[in-house]
Amino acid sequence: GEESGSAENSTAKTMRAEDVLSAPRPPLREQPVTHIAVLDLEATCDERKGFAPMEIIELPVVLIEVATGKVVDEFRTFVRPTVHPVLTDFCRELTGISQEQVDVAPDFPEALMNLNAW
């Protein structure tokens, strides 16, 4: 089970992504990789139960140099959903992604090709 109240757990709970990125630190020991790609997908959604399938609507990636902990490159694209092409009000409010952004975006296969080319 998870221990509560330890200093390590409380620090982890209050740390935000921008805190880590604004104060990058090198790893404590040598790592077998030189870079790590971190992605944070956004997908179609609704507050109704049974909403499916969820489709990726944003594909952002940052490339982090392991030795320094610094972001060295970024990739971002919106993705046009095809099963549920119109975003729900819930989805737009939750993600902050507009209908216009996905309407002009590439579909998923093209977005994935663009990511691979990056």
N, C-alpha and C. Protein backbone atom coordinates (compact mmCIF):
# COMPACT_ATOMS: atom_id res chain seq x y z
N GLY A 1 0.81 -1.19 0.00
CA GLY A 1 0.00 0.00 0.00
C GLY A 1 0.85 1.25 0.00
N GLU A 2 0.23 2.37 -0.27
CA GLU A 2 0.96 3.64 -0.33
C GLU A 2 1.03 4.24 1.07
N GLU A 3 2.24 4.63 1.45
CA GLU A 3 2.41 5.29 2.74
C GLU A 3 2.03 6.74 2.57
N SER A 4 1.35 7.28 3.56
CA SER A 4 1.02 8.70 3.49
C SER A 4 1.78 9.42 4.58
N GLY A 5 2.08 10.66 4.30
CA GLY A 5 2.73 11.47 5.30
C GLY A 5 4.24 11.52 5.19
N SER A 6 4.86 10.66 4.39
CA SER A 6 6.31 10.74 4.28
C SER A 6 6.69 11.98 3.48
N ALA A 7 7.86 12.51 3.74
CA ALA A 7 8.32 13.72 3.05
C ALA A 7 8.41 13.48 1.55
N GLU A 8 8.87 12.29 1.17
CA GLU A 8 9.02 11.98 -0.25
C GLU A 8 7.67 11.97 -0.95
N ASN A 9 6.67 11.34 -0.35
CA ASN A 9 5.34 11.29 -0.96
C ASN A 9 4.70 12.67 -1.04
N SER A 10 4.84 13.49 0.00
CA SER A 10 4.22 14.80 -0.03
C SER A 10 4.89 15.70 -1.06
N THR A 11 6.20 15.55 -1.24
CA THR A 11 6.90 16.32 -2.25
C THR A 11 6.44 15.91 -3.64
N ALA A 12 6.34 14.62 -3.87
CA ALA A 12 5.91 14.13 -5.18
C ALA A 12 4.50 14.60 -5.51
N LYS A 13 3.64 14.66 -4.52
CA LYS A 13 2.26 15.08 -4.75
C LYS A 13 2.15 16.56 -5.08
N THR A 14 3.05 17.38 -4.57
CA THR A 14 2.95 18.81 -4.81
C THR A 14 3.79 19.28 -6.00
N MET A 15 4.69 18.44 -6.52
CA MET A 15 5.54 18.82 -7.63
C MET A 15 4.73 18.83 -8.92
N ARG A 16 4.89 19.86 -9.72
CA ARG A 16 4.21 19.97 -11.00
C ARG A 16 5.25 19.81 -12.10
N ALA A 17 4.79 19.48 -13.31
CA ALA A 17 5.69 19.26 -14.44
C ALA A 17 6.57 20.47 -14.69
N GLU A 18 6.01 21.67 -14.60
CA GLU A 18 6.82 22.86 -14.88
C GLU A 18 7.93 23.05 -13.85
N ASP A 19 7.71 22.55 -12.62
CA ASP A 19 8.76 22.62 -11.60
C ASP A 19 9.97 21.78 -12.03
N VAL A 20 9.70 20.59 -12.53
CA VAL A 20 10.76 19.69 -12.97
C VAL A 20 11.48 20.28 -14.17
N LEU A 21 10.72 20.82 -15.12
CA LEU A 21 11.33 21.36 -16.34
C LEU A 21 12.07 22.66 -16.09
N SER A 22 11.67 23.45 -15.10
CA SER A 22 12.33 24.73 -14.86
C SER A 22 13.63 24.56 -14.07
N ALA A 23 13.78 23.43 -13.39
CA ALA A 23 15.00 23.17 -12.62
C ALA A 23 15.51 21.77 -12.94
N PRO A 24 15.94 21.55 -14.21
CA PRO A 24 16.38 20.20 -14.59
C PRO A 24 17.62 19.79 -13.81
N ARG A 25 17.68 18.51 -13.51
CA ARG A 25 18.83 17.96 -12.80
C ARG A 25 19.32 16.72 -13.53
N PRO A 26 20.62 16.50 -13.56
CA PRO A 26 21.13 15.27 -14.18
C PRO A 26 20.74 14.07 -13.32
N PRO A 27 20.71 12.88 -13.91
CA PRO A 27 20.35 11.69 -13.14
C PRO A 27 21.39 11.39 -12.07
N LEU A 28 20.98 10.63 -11.05
CA LEU A 28 21.88 10.28 -9.95
C LEU A 28 22.92 9.25 -10.37
N ARG A 29 22.60 8.43 -11.36
CA ARG A 29 23.57 7.45 -11.86
C ARG A 29 23.48 7.39 -13.39
N GLU A 30 24.49 6.84 -14.01
CA GLU A 30 24.54 6.76 -15.47
C GLU A 30 23.34 6.00 -16.01
N GLN A 31 22.80 6.51 -17.11
CA GLN A 31 21.61 5.92 -17.71
C GLN A 31 21.98 5.23 -19.03
N PRO A 32 21.25 4.15 -19.39
CA PRO A 32 21.56 3.43 -20.64
C PRO A 32 21.07 4.15 -21.90
N VAL A 33 20.35 5.27 -21.74
CA VAL A 33 19.85 6.03 -22.89
C VAL A 33 20.34 7.46 -22.81
N THR A 34 20.38 8.14 -23.96
CA THR A 34 20.82 9.53 -23.97
C THR A 34 19.66 10.51 -23.95
N HIS A 35 18.49 10.07 -24.46
CA HIS A 35 17.33 10.94 -24.54
C HIS A 35 16.07 10.16 -24.18
N ILE A 36 15.08 10.89 -23.68
CA ILE A 36 13.78 10.32 -23.37
C ILE A 36 12.73 11.20 -24.04
N ALA A 37 11.79 10.57 -24.74
CA ALA A 37 10.66 11.30 -25.31
C ALA A 37 9.47 11.14 -24.37
N VAL A 38 8.90 12.27 -23.98
CA VAL A 38 7.75 12.27 -23.06
C VAL A 38 6.55 12.83 -23.81
N LEU A 39 5.45 12.07 -23.81
CA LEU A 39 4.27 12.57 -24.49
C LEU A 39 3.08 12.62 -23.54
N ASP A 40 2.17 13.52 -23.84
CA ASP A 40 0.98 13.74 -23.01
C ASP A 40 -0.21 13.87 -23.94
N LEU A 41 -0.83 12.74 -24.26
CA LEU A 41 -1.92 12.72 -25.23
C LEU A 41 -3.19 13.34 -24.67
N GLU A 42 -3.95 13.96 -25.55
CA GLU A 42 -5.31 14.37 -25.24
C GLU A 42 -6.21 13.60 -26.20
N ALA A 43 -7.39 13.23 -25.73
CA ALA A 43 -8.29 12.42 -26.55
C ALA A 43 -9.71 12.93 -26.45
N THR A 44 -10.52 12.53 -27.44
CA THR A 44 -11.94 12.87 -27.39
C THR A 44 -12.54 12.26 -26.13
N CYS A 45 -13.53 12.94 -25.59
CA CYS A 45 -14.12 12.47 -24.34
C CYS A 45 -15.49 13.10 -24.16
N ASP A 46 -16.23 12.51 -23.25
CA ASP A 46 -17.53 13.05 -22.87
C ASP A 46 -17.81 12.58 -21.46
N GLU A 47 -18.68 13.28 -20.79
CA GLU A 47 -19.01 12.89 -19.42
C GLU A 47 -19.99 11.73 -19.38
N ARG A 48 -20.59 11.38 -20.52
CA ARG A 48 -21.52 10.24 -20.58
C ARG A 48 -20.74 8.93 -20.47
N LYS A 49 -21.31 7.96 -19.78
CA LYS A 49 -20.72 6.63 -19.73
C LYS A 49 -20.87 5.97 -21.09
N GLY A 50 -19.89 5.16 -21.46
CA GLY A 50 -19.98 4.43 -22.71
C GLY A 50 -19.51 5.19 -23.93
N PHE A 51 -18.96 6.40 -23.76
CA PHE A 51 -18.45 7.16 -24.90
C PHE A 51 -17.22 6.44 -25.44
N ALA A 52 -17.32 5.96 -26.66
CA ALA A 52 -16.20 5.22 -27.24
C ALA A 52 -16.32 5.26 -28.75
N PRO A 53 -15.24 5.10 -29.46
CA PRO A 53 -13.88 5.02 -28.94
C PRO A 53 -13.32 6.41 -28.70
N MET A 54 -12.38 6.48 -27.79
CA MET A 54 -11.66 7.74 -27.59
C MET A 54 -10.61 7.84 -28.70
N GLU A 55 -10.46 9.03 -29.27
CA GLU A 55 -9.48 9.25 -30.33
C GLU A 55 -8.49 10.33 -29.91
N ILE A 56 -7.24 10.15 -30.24
CA ILE A 56 -6.21 11.15 -29.93
C ILE A 56 -6.53 12.42 -30.70
N ILE A 57 -6.52 13.56 -29.98
CA ILE A 57 -6.76 14.85 -30.63
C ILE A 57 -5.59 15.82 -30.45
N GLU A 58 -4.64 15.45 -29.61
CA GLU A 58 -3.41 16.25 -29.48
C GLU A 58 -2.26 15.29 -29.20
N LEU A 59 -1.15 15.52 -29.89
CA LEU A 59 0.01 14.66 -29.78
C LEU A 59 1.24 15.54 -29.52
N PRO A 60 1.45 15.95 -28.26
CA PRO A 60 2.62 16.76 -27.92
C PRO A 60 3.73 15.87 -27.34
N VAL A 61 4.96 16.14 -27.74
CA VAL A 61 6.10 15.36 -27.26
C VAL A 61 7.25 16.32 -26.94
N VAL A 62 7.93 16.08 -25.83
CA VAL A 62 9.18 16.80 -25.56
C VAL A 62 10.30 15.77 -25.51
N LEU A 63 11.46 16.16 -26.03
CA LEU A 63 12.64 15.31 -26.02
C LEU A 63 13.58 15.84 -24.94
N ILE A 64 13.89 14.99 -23.98
CA ILE A 64 14.71 15.39 -22.84
C ILE A 64 16.06 14.71 -22.93
N GLU A 65 17.12 15.50 -22.79
CA GLU A 65 18.49 14.97 -22.74
C GLU A 65 18.71 14.45 -21.32
N VAL A 66 18.97 13.16 -21.21
CA VAL A 66 19.06 12.53 -19.89
C VAL A 66 20.21 13.10 -19.07
N ALA A 67 21.35 13.36 -19.69
CA ALA A 67 22.53 13.81 -18.96
C ALA A 67 22.31 15.14 -18.24
N THR A 68 21.46 16.01 -18.82
CA THR A 68 21.24 17.33 -18.23
C THR A 68 19.84 17.51 -17.67
N GLY A 69 18.90 16.68 -18.11
CA GLY A 69 17.51 16.84 -17.71
C GLY A 69 16.81 17.96 -18.44
N LYS A 70 17.44 18.51 -19.48
CA LYS A 70 16.86 19.65 -20.20
C LYS A 70 16.07 19.21 -21.43
N VAL A 71 15.00 19.96 -21.71
CA VAL A 71 14.24 19.76 -22.93
C VAL A 71 15.07 20.28 -24.09
N VAL A 72 15.34 19.42 -25.08
CA VAL A 72 16.17 19.82 -26.21
C VAL A 72 15.38 19.97 -27.50
N ASP A 73 14.15 19.45 -27.53
CA ASP A 73 13.32 19.61 -28.72
C ASP A 73 11.86 19.35 -28.34
N GLU A 74 10.96 19.87 -29.15
CA GLU A 74 9.53 19.69 -28.90
C GLU A 74 8.82 19.43 -30.21
N PHE A 75 7.77 18.64 -30.14
CA PHE A 75 6.89 18.37 -31.28
C PHE A 75 5.47 18.48 -30.77
N ARG A 76 4.60 19.08 -31.58
CA ARG A 76 3.20 19.17 -31.18
C ARG A 76 2.34 19.25 -32.42
N THR A 77 1.29 18.46 -32.42
CA THR A 77 0.28 18.56 -33.46
C THR A 77 -1.07 18.21 -32.87
N PHE A 78 -2.08 18.88 -33.37
CA PHE A 78 -3.44 18.46 -33.08
C PHE A 78 -3.76 17.36 -34.07
N VAL A 79 -4.78 16.57 -33.78
CA VAL A 79 -5.16 15.45 -34.63
C VAL A 79 -6.66 15.52 -34.87
N ARG A 80 -7.05 15.36 -36.14
CA ARG A 80 -8.47 15.42 -36.50
C ARG A 80 -9.13 14.07 -36.21
N PRO A 81 -10.11 14.05 -35.30
CA PRO A 81 -10.81 12.79 -35.02
C PRO A 81 -11.73 12.43 -36.18
N THR A 82 -11.91 11.14 -36.40
CA THR A 82 -12.75 10.71 -37.53
C THR A 82 -14.03 10.01 -37.08
N VAL A 83 -14.02 9.32 -35.96
CA VAL A 83 -15.23 8.64 -35.47
C VAL A 83 -16.19 9.65 -34.86
N HIS A 84 -15.65 10.53 -34.02
CA HIS A 84 -16.42 11.62 -33.40
C HIS A 84 -15.78 12.94 -33.82
N PRO A 85 -16.03 13.40 -35.06
CA PRO A 85 -15.34 14.59 -35.56
C PRO A 85 -15.70 15.89 -34.85
N VAL A 86 -16.86 15.93 -34.20
CA VAL A 86 -17.27 17.14 -33.47
C VAL A 86 -16.98 16.92 -31.99
N LEU A 87 -16.12 17.77 -31.43
CA LEU A 87 -15.78 17.67 -30.01
C LEU A 87 -16.98 18.03 -29.15
N THR A 88 -17.15 17.31 -28.07
CA THR A 88 -18.22 17.63 -27.13
C THR A 88 -17.85 18.89 -26.35
N ASP A 89 -18.86 19.56 -25.81
CA ASP A 89 -18.60 20.72 -24.96
C ASP A 89 -17.68 20.31 -23.81
N PHE A 90 -17.95 19.14 -23.22
CA PHE A 90 -17.13 18.62 -22.12
C PHE A 90 -15.67 18.49 -22.53
N CYS A 91 -15.42 17.94 -23.70
CA CYS A 91 -14.05 17.74 -24.19
C CYS A 91 -13.35 19.07 -24.43
N ARG A 92 -14.04 20.01 -25.06
CA ARG A 92 -13.43 21.32 -25.32
C ARG A 92 -13.08 22.02 -24.02
N GLU A 93 -13.98 21.94 -23.03
CA GLU A 93 -13.72 22.59 -21.74
C GLU A 93 -12.59 21.91 -20.98
N LEU A 94 -12.57 20.58 -20.99
CA LEU A 94 -11.56 19.81 -20.26
C LEU A 94 -10.16 20.00 -20.85
N THR A 95 -10.05 19.95 -22.17
CA THR A 95 -8.74 19.97 -22.82
C THR A 95 -8.28 21.36 -23.24
N GLY A 96 -9.21 22.27 -23.43
CA GLY A 96 -8.86 23.59 -23.94
C GLY A 96 -8.60 23.59 -25.44
N ILE A 97 -8.92 22.48 -26.10
CA ILE A 97 -8.72 22.35 -27.54
C ILE A 97 -10.00 22.75 -28.25
N SER A 98 -9.87 23.59 -29.27
CA SER A 98 -11.05 24.09 -29.97
C SER A 98 -11.39 23.19 -31.16
N GLN A 99 -12.64 23.31 -31.59
CA GLN A 99 -13.09 22.57 -32.78
C GLN A 99 -12.28 22.99 -34.00
N GLU A 100 -11.97 24.28 -34.09
CA GLU A 100 -11.20 24.78 -35.22
C GLU A 100 -9.80 24.15 -35.28
N GLN A 101 -9.18 23.95 -34.13
CA GLN A 101 -7.84 23.36 -34.10
C GLN A 101 -7.84 21.94 -34.66
N VAL A 102 -8.84 21.14 -34.31
CA VAL A 102 -8.86 19.77 -34.83
C VAL A 102 -9.39 19.70 -36.25
N ASP A 103 -10.25 20.63 -36.64
CA ASP A 103 -10.80 20.62 -38.00
C ASP A 103 -9.71 20.77 -39.06
N VAL A 104 -8.67 21.55 -38.77
CA VAL A 104 -7.62 21.78 -39.76
C VAL A 104 -6.40 20.88 -39.53
N ALA A 105 -6.48 20.00 -38.56
CA ALA A 105 -5.35 19.14 -38.20
C ALA A 105 -5.30 17.90 -39.11
N PRO A 106 -4.12 17.28 -39.18
CA PRO A 106 -4.03 16.02 -39.92
C PRO A 106 -4.77 14.90 -39.19
N ASP A 107 -5.16 13.85 -39.93
CA ASP A 107 -5.74 12.69 -39.26
C ASP A 107 -4.62 11.92 -38.55
N PHE A 108 -4.96 10.90 -37.76
CA PHE A 108 -3.97 10.23 -36.94
C PHE A 108 -2.82 9.60 -37.75
N PRO A 109 -3.09 8.88 -38.85
CA PRO A 109 -1.95 8.31 -39.60
C PRO A 109 -0.96 9.37 -40.08
N GLU A 110 -1.47 10.51 -40.55
CA GLU A 110 -0.58 11.59 -41.00
C GLU A 110 0.16 12.22 -39.82
N ALA A 111 -0.53 12.42 -38.71
CA ALA A 111 0.12 12.98 -37.51
C ALA A 111 1.22 12.07 -37.04
N LEU A 112 1.00 10.77 -37.06
CA LEU A 112 2.01 9.80 -36.64
C LEU A 112 3.21 9.81 -37.60
N MET A 113 2.95 9.95 -38.90
CA MET A 113 4.06 10.07 -39.86
C MET A 113 4.87 11.33 -39.58
N ASN A 114 4.19 12.43 -39.26
CA ASN A 114 4.89 13.68 -38.94
C ASN A 114 5.74 13.51 -37.68
N LEU A 115 5.21 12.80 -36.68
CA LEU A 115 5.98 12.54 -35.47
C LEU A 115 7.20 11.67 -35.78
N ASN A 116 7.02 10.64 -36.57
CA ASN A 116 8.15 9.79 -36.94
C ASN A 116 9.21 10.56 -37.72
N ALA A 117 8.80 11.48 -38.57
CA ALA A 117 9.75 12.30 -39.33
C ALA A 117 10.52 13.26 -38.41
N TRP A 118 9.88 13.70 -37.34
CA TRP A 118 10.51 14.61 -36.37
C TRP A 118 11.65 13.88 -35.70
